[in-house]
C-alpha cells in the first residue's frame, strides 16, 4: 500500500518538474549561448534561463563594444573602415563591478536568438575562456 503512495508522489513530482521546464521556469544544462536583443538597442550574449518568467536570468554574459579612433592610422583608408573596432567584452570588469548574472525585465526583451556553435561570437567566447 505505501509503495503505491510513494509511486504516485514520485509521478506527481516528475510531472510538476516537466511542467515547470516546459513553461521555461527550469533550465537543465543550458549549454547553448543566446543573443538577447533589448529595447534600448543593446545586445547581450550568454546563457538564458527561465525565459518565460517576468525576469529571465542571463549568465556567462558578454557584449559587443565599439571603439572609435579619432585619427585613422592609414590616411588612404576611409574613416568608417579604419575608425571603428568591435570587441567582445566579458561582463564584470566595469566600474560598478557587476556579478556575471543579469535579471532582465521580459518587457525589455525584443527577441532571443540561439547561437550556432560555430558562430563568430561563440568562437570568440571560447577563445576568451581558453585564455583565462
N, C-alpha and C. Protein backbone atom coordinates (compact mmCIF):
# COMPACT_ATOMS: atom_id res chain seq x y z
N UNK A 1 0.82 -1.19 0.00
CA UNK A 1 0.00 0.00 0.00
C UNK A 1 0.87 1.25 0.00
N UNK A 2 1.88 1.31 0.89
CA UNK A 2 2.72 2.50 0.97
C UNK A 2 3.56 2.69 -0.28
N UNK A 3 3.86 1.56 -0.99
CA UNK A 3 4.65 1.66 -2.22
C UNK A 3 3.89 2.39 -3.31
N UNK A 4 2.60 2.15 -3.43
CA UNK A 4 1.82 2.84 -4.46
C UNK A 4 1.67 4.32 -4.12
N UNK A 5 1.62 4.66 -2.83
CA UNK A 5 1.54 6.06 -2.42
C UNK A 5 2.81 6.80 -2.84
N UNK A 6 3.98 6.18 -2.62
CA UNK A 6 5.24 6.82 -3.00
C UNK A 6 5.39 6.90 -4.51
N UNK A 7 4.86 5.91 -5.20
CA UNK A 7 4.89 5.94 -6.66
C UNK A 7 4.09 7.13 -7.18
N UNK A 8 2.91 7.36 -6.63
CA UNK A 8 2.08 8.49 -7.05
C UNK A 8 2.75 9.82 -6.72
N UNK A 9 3.40 9.90 -5.57
CA UNK A 9 4.11 11.13 -5.20
C UNK A 9 5.26 11.39 -6.19
N UNK A 10 6.00 10.34 -6.53
CA UNK A 10 7.10 10.49 -7.49
C UNK A 10 6.59 10.91 -8.85
N UNK A 11 5.48 10.33 -9.30
CA UNK A 11 4.89 10.71 -10.59
C UNK A 11 4.44 12.17 -10.57
N UNK A 12 3.83 12.61 -9.48
CA UNK A 12 3.38 13.99 -9.38
C UNK A 12 4.56 14.98 -9.37
N UNK A 13 5.63 14.63 -8.65
CA UNK A 13 6.81 15.50 -8.63
C UNK A 13 7.44 15.57 -10.01
N UNK A 14 7.55 14.45 -10.68
CA UNK A 14 8.10 14.42 -12.04
C UNK A 14 7.23 15.25 -12.98
N UNK A 15 5.93 15.12 -12.87
CA UNK A 15 5.01 15.90 -13.70
C UNK A 15 5.16 17.39 -13.44
N UNK A 16 5.30 17.77 -12.19
CA UNK A 16 5.48 19.18 -11.83
C UNK A 16 6.79 19.72 -12.42
N UNK A 17 7.87 18.95 -12.32
CA UNK A 17 9.15 19.36 -12.88
C UNK A 17 9.04 19.52 -14.39
N UNK A 18 8.39 18.59 -15.06
CA UNK A 18 8.23 18.69 -16.51
C UNK A 18 7.40 19.91 -16.91
N UNK A 19 6.36 20.20 -16.18
CA UNK A 19 5.53 21.38 -16.47
C UNK A 19 6.34 22.65 -16.28
N UNK A 20 7.10 22.74 -15.20
CA UNK A 20 7.93 23.93 -14.96
C UNK A 20 9.01 24.08 -16.03
N UNK A 21 9.59 22.97 -16.47
CA UNK A 21 10.60 23.02 -17.53
C UNK A 21 9.97 23.47 -18.83
N UNK A 22 8.83 22.90 -19.18
CA UNK A 22 8.14 23.27 -20.42
C UNK A 22 7.73 24.74 -20.41
N UNK A 23 7.33 25.27 -19.26
CA UNK A 23 6.91 26.66 -19.15
C UNK A 23 8.10 27.62 -19.13
N UNK A 24 9.33 27.10 -19.05
CA UNK A 24 10.51 27.94 -19.10
C UNK A 24 11.02 28.40 -17.76
N UNK A 25 10.50 27.84 -16.67
CA UNK A 25 10.95 28.24 -15.35
C UNK A 25 12.13 27.42 -14.85
N UNK A 26 12.42 26.33 -15.51
CA UNK A 26 13.58 25.50 -15.17
C UNK A 26 14.42 25.29 -16.42
N UNK A 27 15.73 25.30 -16.25
CA UNK A 27 16.63 25.02 -17.36
C UNK A 27 17.61 23.95 -16.90
N UNK A 28 17.71 22.90 -17.69
CA UNK A 28 18.62 21.82 -17.35
C UNK A 28 19.82 21.89 -18.28
N UNK A 29 20.97 22.19 -17.72
CA UNK A 29 22.20 22.20 -18.50
C UNK A 29 22.16 23.14 -19.67
N UNK A 30 21.77 24.38 -19.44
CA UNK A 30 21.74 25.36 -20.53
C UNK A 30 23.15 25.52 -21.07
N UNK A 31 23.43 24.86 -22.18
CA UNK A 31 24.78 24.87 -22.70
C UNK A 31 24.89 25.74 -23.94
N UNK A 32 23.80 26.19 -24.46
CA UNK A 32 23.80 26.98 -25.67
C UNK A 32 23.82 28.46 -25.34
N UNK A 33 24.57 29.18 -26.13
CA UNK A 33 24.58 30.64 -25.96
C UNK A 33 23.43 31.25 -26.76
N UNK A 34 22.89 32.31 -26.21
CA UNK A 34 21.84 33.05 -26.88
C UNK A 34 22.26 34.51 -27.01
N UNK A 35 21.70 35.17 -28.02
CA UNK A 35 21.81 36.61 -28.16
C UNK A 35 20.48 37.18 -27.69
N UNK A 36 20.53 38.12 -26.73
CA UNK A 36 19.32 38.72 -26.18
C UNK A 36 19.31 40.18 -26.63
N UNK A 37 18.35 40.53 -27.46
CA UNK A 37 18.22 41.87 -28.02
C UNK A 37 17.22 42.65 -27.17
N UNK A 38 17.67 43.80 -26.65
CA UNK A 38 16.84 44.61 -25.76
C UNK A 38 16.28 45.84 -26.46
N UNK A 39 15.26 46.41 -25.87
CA UNK A 39 14.58 47.56 -26.46
C UNK A 39 15.45 48.82 -26.47
N UNK A 40 16.54 48.86 -25.71
CA UNK A 40 17.42 50.03 -25.70
C UNK A 40 18.58 49.86 -26.69
N UNK A 41 18.43 48.95 -27.65
CA UNK A 41 19.41 48.67 -28.71
C UNK A 41 20.68 47.98 -28.21
N UNK A 42 20.68 47.45 -27.01
CA UNK A 42 21.81 46.68 -26.53
C UNK A 42 21.58 45.19 -26.82
N UNK A 43 22.66 44.49 -27.03
CA UNK A 43 22.62 43.04 -27.25
C UNK A 43 23.59 42.40 -26.29
N UNK A 44 23.12 41.41 -25.57
CA UNK A 44 23.97 40.65 -24.65
C UNK A 44 23.99 39.20 -25.11
N UNK A 45 25.14 38.56 -24.93
CA UNK A 45 25.30 37.16 -25.27
C UNK A 45 25.55 36.39 -23.98
N UNK A 46 24.88 35.28 -23.83
CA UNK A 46 25.06 34.47 -22.63
C UNK A 46 24.15 33.28 -22.63
N UNK A 47 23.98 32.71 -21.46
CA UNK A 47 23.12 31.54 -21.29
C UNK A 47 21.89 31.98 -20.51
N UNK A 48 20.75 31.89 -21.16
CA UNK A 48 19.49 32.38 -20.59
C UNK A 48 18.72 31.26 -19.92
N UNK A 49 18.25 31.53 -18.71
CA UNK A 49 17.38 30.57 -18.03
C UNK A 49 16.08 31.27 -17.67
N UNK A 50 15.06 30.47 -17.48
CA UNK A 50 13.71 30.96 -17.17
C UNK A 50 13.23 32.01 -18.17
N UNK A 51 13.28 31.71 -19.48
CA UNK A 51 12.94 32.73 -20.48
C UNK A 51 11.49 33.20 -20.45
N UNK A 52 10.60 32.44 -19.85
CA UNK A 52 9.19 32.83 -19.81
C UNK A 52 8.80 33.50 -18.49
N UNK A 53 9.75 33.65 -17.57
CA UNK A 53 9.43 34.30 -16.30
C UNK A 53 9.40 35.82 -16.51
N UNK A 54 8.95 36.55 -15.51
CA UNK A 54 8.92 38.02 -15.60
C UNK A 54 10.32 38.60 -15.68
N UNK A 55 11.30 37.92 -15.10
CA UNK A 55 12.68 38.37 -15.10
C UNK A 55 13.60 37.21 -15.48
N UNK A 56 13.74 36.92 -16.79
CA UNK A 56 14.67 35.88 -17.20
C UNK A 56 16.09 36.23 -16.72
N UNK A 57 16.90 35.20 -16.48
CA UNK A 57 18.25 35.39 -15.95
C UNK A 57 19.26 35.02 -17.03
N UNK A 58 20.19 35.94 -17.29
CA UNK A 58 21.27 35.71 -18.23
C UNK A 58 22.56 35.57 -17.44
N UNK A 59 23.32 34.52 -17.74
CA UNK A 59 24.59 34.26 -17.07
C UNK A 59 25.69 34.06 -18.12
N UNK A 60 26.92 34.12 -17.66
CA UNK A 60 28.07 33.97 -18.56
C UNK A 60 27.95 35.02 -19.68
N UNK A 61 27.91 36.28 -19.28
CA UNK A 61 27.49 37.38 -20.15
C UNK A 61 28.66 38.05 -20.87
N UNK A 62 28.44 38.32 -22.14
CA UNK A 62 29.36 39.07 -22.99
C UNK A 62 28.54 40.11 -23.75
N UNK A 63 29.22 41.16 -24.21
CA UNK A 63 28.57 42.15 -25.05
C UNK A 63 29.59 42.72 -26.01
N UNK A 64 29.10 43.39 -27.05
CA UNK A 64 29.98 44.00 -28.05
C UNK A 64 30.25 45.44 -27.67
N UNK A 65 31.51 45.84 -27.83
CA UNK A 65 31.89 47.22 -27.57
C UNK A 65 32.53 47.76 -28.84
N UNK A 66 32.02 48.89 -29.30
CA UNK A 66 32.55 49.54 -30.49
C UNK A 66 33.41 50.71 -30.04
N UNK A 67 34.66 50.70 -30.45
CA UNK A 67 35.54 51.82 -30.12
C UNK A 67 35.86 52.57 -31.41
N UNK A 68 35.90 53.87 -31.30
CA UNK A 68 36.14 54.73 -32.45
C UNK A 68 37.47 55.46 -32.23
N UNK A 69 38.38 55.34 -33.17
CA UNK A 69 39.63 56.08 -33.08
C UNK A 69 39.42 57.45 -33.71
N UNK A 70 40.02 58.46 -33.11
CA UNK A 70 39.85 59.82 -33.62
C UNK A 70 40.63 60.05 -34.90
N UNK A 71 41.82 59.50 -34.97
CA UNK A 71 42.67 59.66 -36.14
C UNK A 71 42.91 58.29 -36.76
N UNK A 72 42.49 58.07 -38.02
CA UNK A 72 42.77 56.78 -38.64
C UNK A 72 44.28 56.59 -38.82
N UNK A 73 44.73 55.36 -38.67
CA UNK A 73 46.15 55.04 -38.81
C UNK A 73 46.63 55.20 -40.25
N UNK A 74 45.78 54.82 -41.19
CA UNK A 74 46.15 54.87 -42.60
C UNK A 74 45.31 55.94 -43.28
N UNK A 75 45.91 57.02 -43.77
CA UNK A 75 45.13 58.08 -44.40
C UNK A 75 44.48 57.67 -45.71
N UNK A 76 44.90 56.54 -46.29
CA UNK A 76 44.32 56.08 -47.56
C UNK A 76 43.05 55.25 -47.36
N UNK A 77 42.75 54.91 -46.10
CA UNK A 77 41.56 54.10 -45.80
C UNK A 77 40.45 55.03 -45.32
N UNK A 78 39.24 54.79 -45.80
CA UNK A 78 38.12 55.65 -45.42
C UNK A 78 37.84 55.55 -43.92
N UNK A 79 37.36 56.61 -43.27
CA UNK A 79 37.17 56.63 -41.82
C UNK A 79 36.29 55.52 -41.24
N UNK A 80 35.15 55.16 -41.85
CA UNK A 80 34.35 54.11 -41.20
C UNK A 80 35.09 52.78 -41.06
N UNK A 81 35.88 52.42 -42.06
CA UNK A 81 36.58 51.13 -42.00
C UNK A 81 37.77 51.19 -41.04
N UNK A 82 38.46 52.31 -41.00
CA UNK A 82 39.66 52.37 -40.17
C UNK A 82 39.38 52.91 -38.78
N UNK A 83 38.25 53.57 -38.59
CA UNK A 83 37.99 54.24 -37.33
C UNK A 83 37.22 53.44 -36.31
N UNK A 84 36.67 52.29 -36.68
CA UNK A 84 35.87 51.51 -35.73
C UNK A 84 36.48 50.14 -35.49
N UNK A 85 36.46 49.75 -34.23
CA UNK A 85 36.87 48.41 -33.87
C UNK A 85 35.78 47.81 -32.99
N UNK A 86 35.41 46.58 -33.29
CA UNK A 86 34.40 45.88 -32.49
C UNK A 86 35.12 44.82 -31.66
N UNK A 87 34.78 44.82 -30.38
CA UNK A 87 35.45 43.92 -29.44
C UNK A 87 34.39 43.24 -28.57
N UNK A 88 34.56 41.95 -28.33
CA UNK A 88 33.69 41.21 -27.42
C UNK A 88 34.22 41.37 -26.00
N UNK A 89 33.36 41.83 -25.09
CA UNK A 89 33.78 42.14 -23.72
C UNK A 89 33.03 41.24 -22.74
N UNK A 90 33.74 40.73 -21.75
CA UNK A 90 33.14 39.92 -20.68
C UNK A 90 32.59 40.85 -19.61
N UNK A 91 31.35 40.64 -19.23
CA UNK A 91 30.74 41.45 -18.17
C UNK A 91 31.43 41.16 -16.84
N UNK A 92 31.71 42.22 -16.09
CA UNK A 92 32.28 42.04 -14.76
C UNK A 92 33.42 42.99 -14.43
N UNK A 93 34.08 43.54 -15.45
CA UNK A 93 35.21 44.42 -15.19
C UNK A 93 34.84 45.90 -15.29
N UNK A 94 33.56 46.21 -15.37
CA UNK A 94 33.12 47.59 -15.47
C UNK A 94 33.33 48.31 -14.14
N UNK A 95 33.23 49.61 -14.17
CA UNK A 95 33.48 50.44 -12.99
C UNK A 95 32.62 50.04 -11.80
N UNK A 96 31.36 49.70 -12.04
CA UNK A 96 30.46 49.36 -10.93
C UNK A 96 30.60 47.92 -10.46
N UNK A 97 31.41 47.11 -11.14
CA UNK A 97 31.73 45.76 -10.69
C UNK A 97 30.56 44.81 -10.60
N UNK A 98 29.81 44.60 -11.69
CA UNK A 98 28.67 43.68 -11.61
C UNK A 98 29.11 42.22 -11.54
N UNK A 99 28.25 41.39 -10.95
CA UNK A 99 28.49 39.95 -10.98
C UNK A 99 28.03 39.45 -12.35
N UNK A 100 28.38 38.24 -12.67
CA UNK A 100 28.11 37.68 -14.00
C UNK A 100 26.71 37.07 -14.07
N UNK A 101 25.72 37.89 -13.72
CA UNK A 101 24.33 37.46 -13.78
C UNK A 101 23.47 38.70 -13.97
N UNK A 102 22.52 38.61 -14.86
CA UNK A 102 21.66 39.75 -15.14
C UNK A 102 20.21 39.28 -15.17
N UNK A 103 19.38 39.91 -14.36
CA UNK A 103 17.94 39.66 -14.40
C UNK A 103 17.34 40.73 -15.28
N UNK A 104 16.68 40.31 -16.35
CA UNK A 104 16.18 41.24 -17.36
C UNK A 104 14.66 41.26 -17.33
N UNK A 105 14.10 42.45 -17.28
CA UNK A 105 12.65 42.59 -17.37
C UNK A 105 12.20 42.07 -18.73
N UNK A 106 11.30 41.10 -18.74
CA UNK A 106 10.91 40.46 -20.01
C UNK A 106 10.28 41.46 -20.98
N UNK A 107 9.71 42.56 -20.46
CA UNK A 107 9.11 43.57 -21.33
C UNK A 107 10.16 44.32 -22.13
N UNK A 108 11.43 44.25 -21.73
CA UNK A 108 12.51 44.94 -22.43
C UNK A 108 13.18 44.07 -23.48
N UNK A 109 12.82 42.79 -23.52
CA UNK A 109 13.42 41.87 -24.49
C UNK A 109 12.62 41.90 -25.79
N UNK A 110 13.31 42.27 -26.88
CA UNK A 110 12.66 42.27 -28.19
C UNK A 110 12.59 40.86 -28.76
N UNK A 111 13.74 40.18 -28.75
CA UNK A 111 13.77 38.79 -29.19
C UNK A 111 15.05 38.13 -28.72
N UNK A 112 15.06 36.80 -28.81
CA UNK A 112 16.19 35.98 -28.38
C UNK A 112 16.55 35.05 -29.53
N UNK A 113 17.84 34.94 -29.80
CA UNK A 113 18.30 34.03 -30.84
C UNK A 113 19.27 33.01 -30.23
N UNK A 114 19.11 31.75 -30.59
CA UNK A 114 20.09 30.74 -30.22
C UNK A 114 21.28 30.88 -31.18
N UNK A 115 22.49 30.81 -30.64
CA UNK A 115 23.69 30.93 -31.46
C UNK A 115 24.21 29.55 -31.83
N UNK A 116 24.65 29.42 -33.07
CA UNK A 116 25.24 28.16 -33.51
C UNK A 116 26.61 27.99 -32.87
N UNK A 117 27.02 26.76 -32.62
CA UNK A 117 28.34 26.53 -32.00
C UNK A 117 29.50 27.08 -32.83
N UNK A 118 29.31 27.23 -34.15
CA UNK A 118 30.40 27.73 -34.99
C UNK A 118 30.26 29.22 -35.33
N UNK A 119 29.38 29.94 -34.60
CA UNK A 119 29.24 31.38 -34.86
C UNK A 119 30.50 32.11 -34.39
N UNK A 120 30.76 33.28 -34.96
CA UNK A 120 31.94 34.05 -34.59
C UNK A 120 31.90 34.46 -33.12
N UNK A 121 30.72 34.76 -32.61
CA UNK A 121 30.60 35.16 -31.20
C UNK A 121 30.93 33.98 -30.30
N UNK A 122 30.38 32.82 -30.55
CA UNK A 122 30.66 31.64 -29.72
C UNK A 122 32.14 31.28 -29.79
N UNK A 123 32.73 31.36 -30.98
CA UNK A 123 34.16 31.09 -31.11
C UNK A 123 34.99 32.09 -30.30
N UNK A 124 34.59 33.36 -30.32
CA UNK A 124 35.31 34.38 -29.54
C UNK A 124 35.16 34.13 -28.04
N UNK A 125 33.96 33.70 -27.60
CA UNK A 125 33.75 33.38 -26.18
C UNK A 125 34.64 32.21 -25.78
N UNK A 126 34.67 31.17 -26.60
CA UNK A 126 35.51 30.01 -26.30
C UNK A 126 36.98 30.38 -26.27
N UNK A 127 37.41 31.25 -27.18
CA UNK A 127 38.81 31.70 -27.19
C UNK A 127 39.12 32.49 -25.92
N UNK A 128 38.17 33.33 -25.48
CA UNK A 128 38.35 34.09 -24.25
C UNK A 128 38.50 33.15 -23.05
N UNK A 129 37.68 32.12 -23.00
CA UNK A 129 37.71 31.18 -21.88
C UNK A 129 39.00 30.36 -21.84
N UNK A 130 39.57 30.05 -22.99
CA UNK A 130 40.83 29.29 -23.00
C UNK A 130 42.00 30.14 -22.56
N UNK A 131 41.87 31.47 -22.69
CA UNK A 131 42.94 32.38 -22.24
C UNK A 131 42.90 32.60 -20.74
N UNK A 132 41.78 32.30 -20.11
CA UNK A 132 41.63 32.54 -18.67
C UNK A 132 42.29 31.48 -17.86
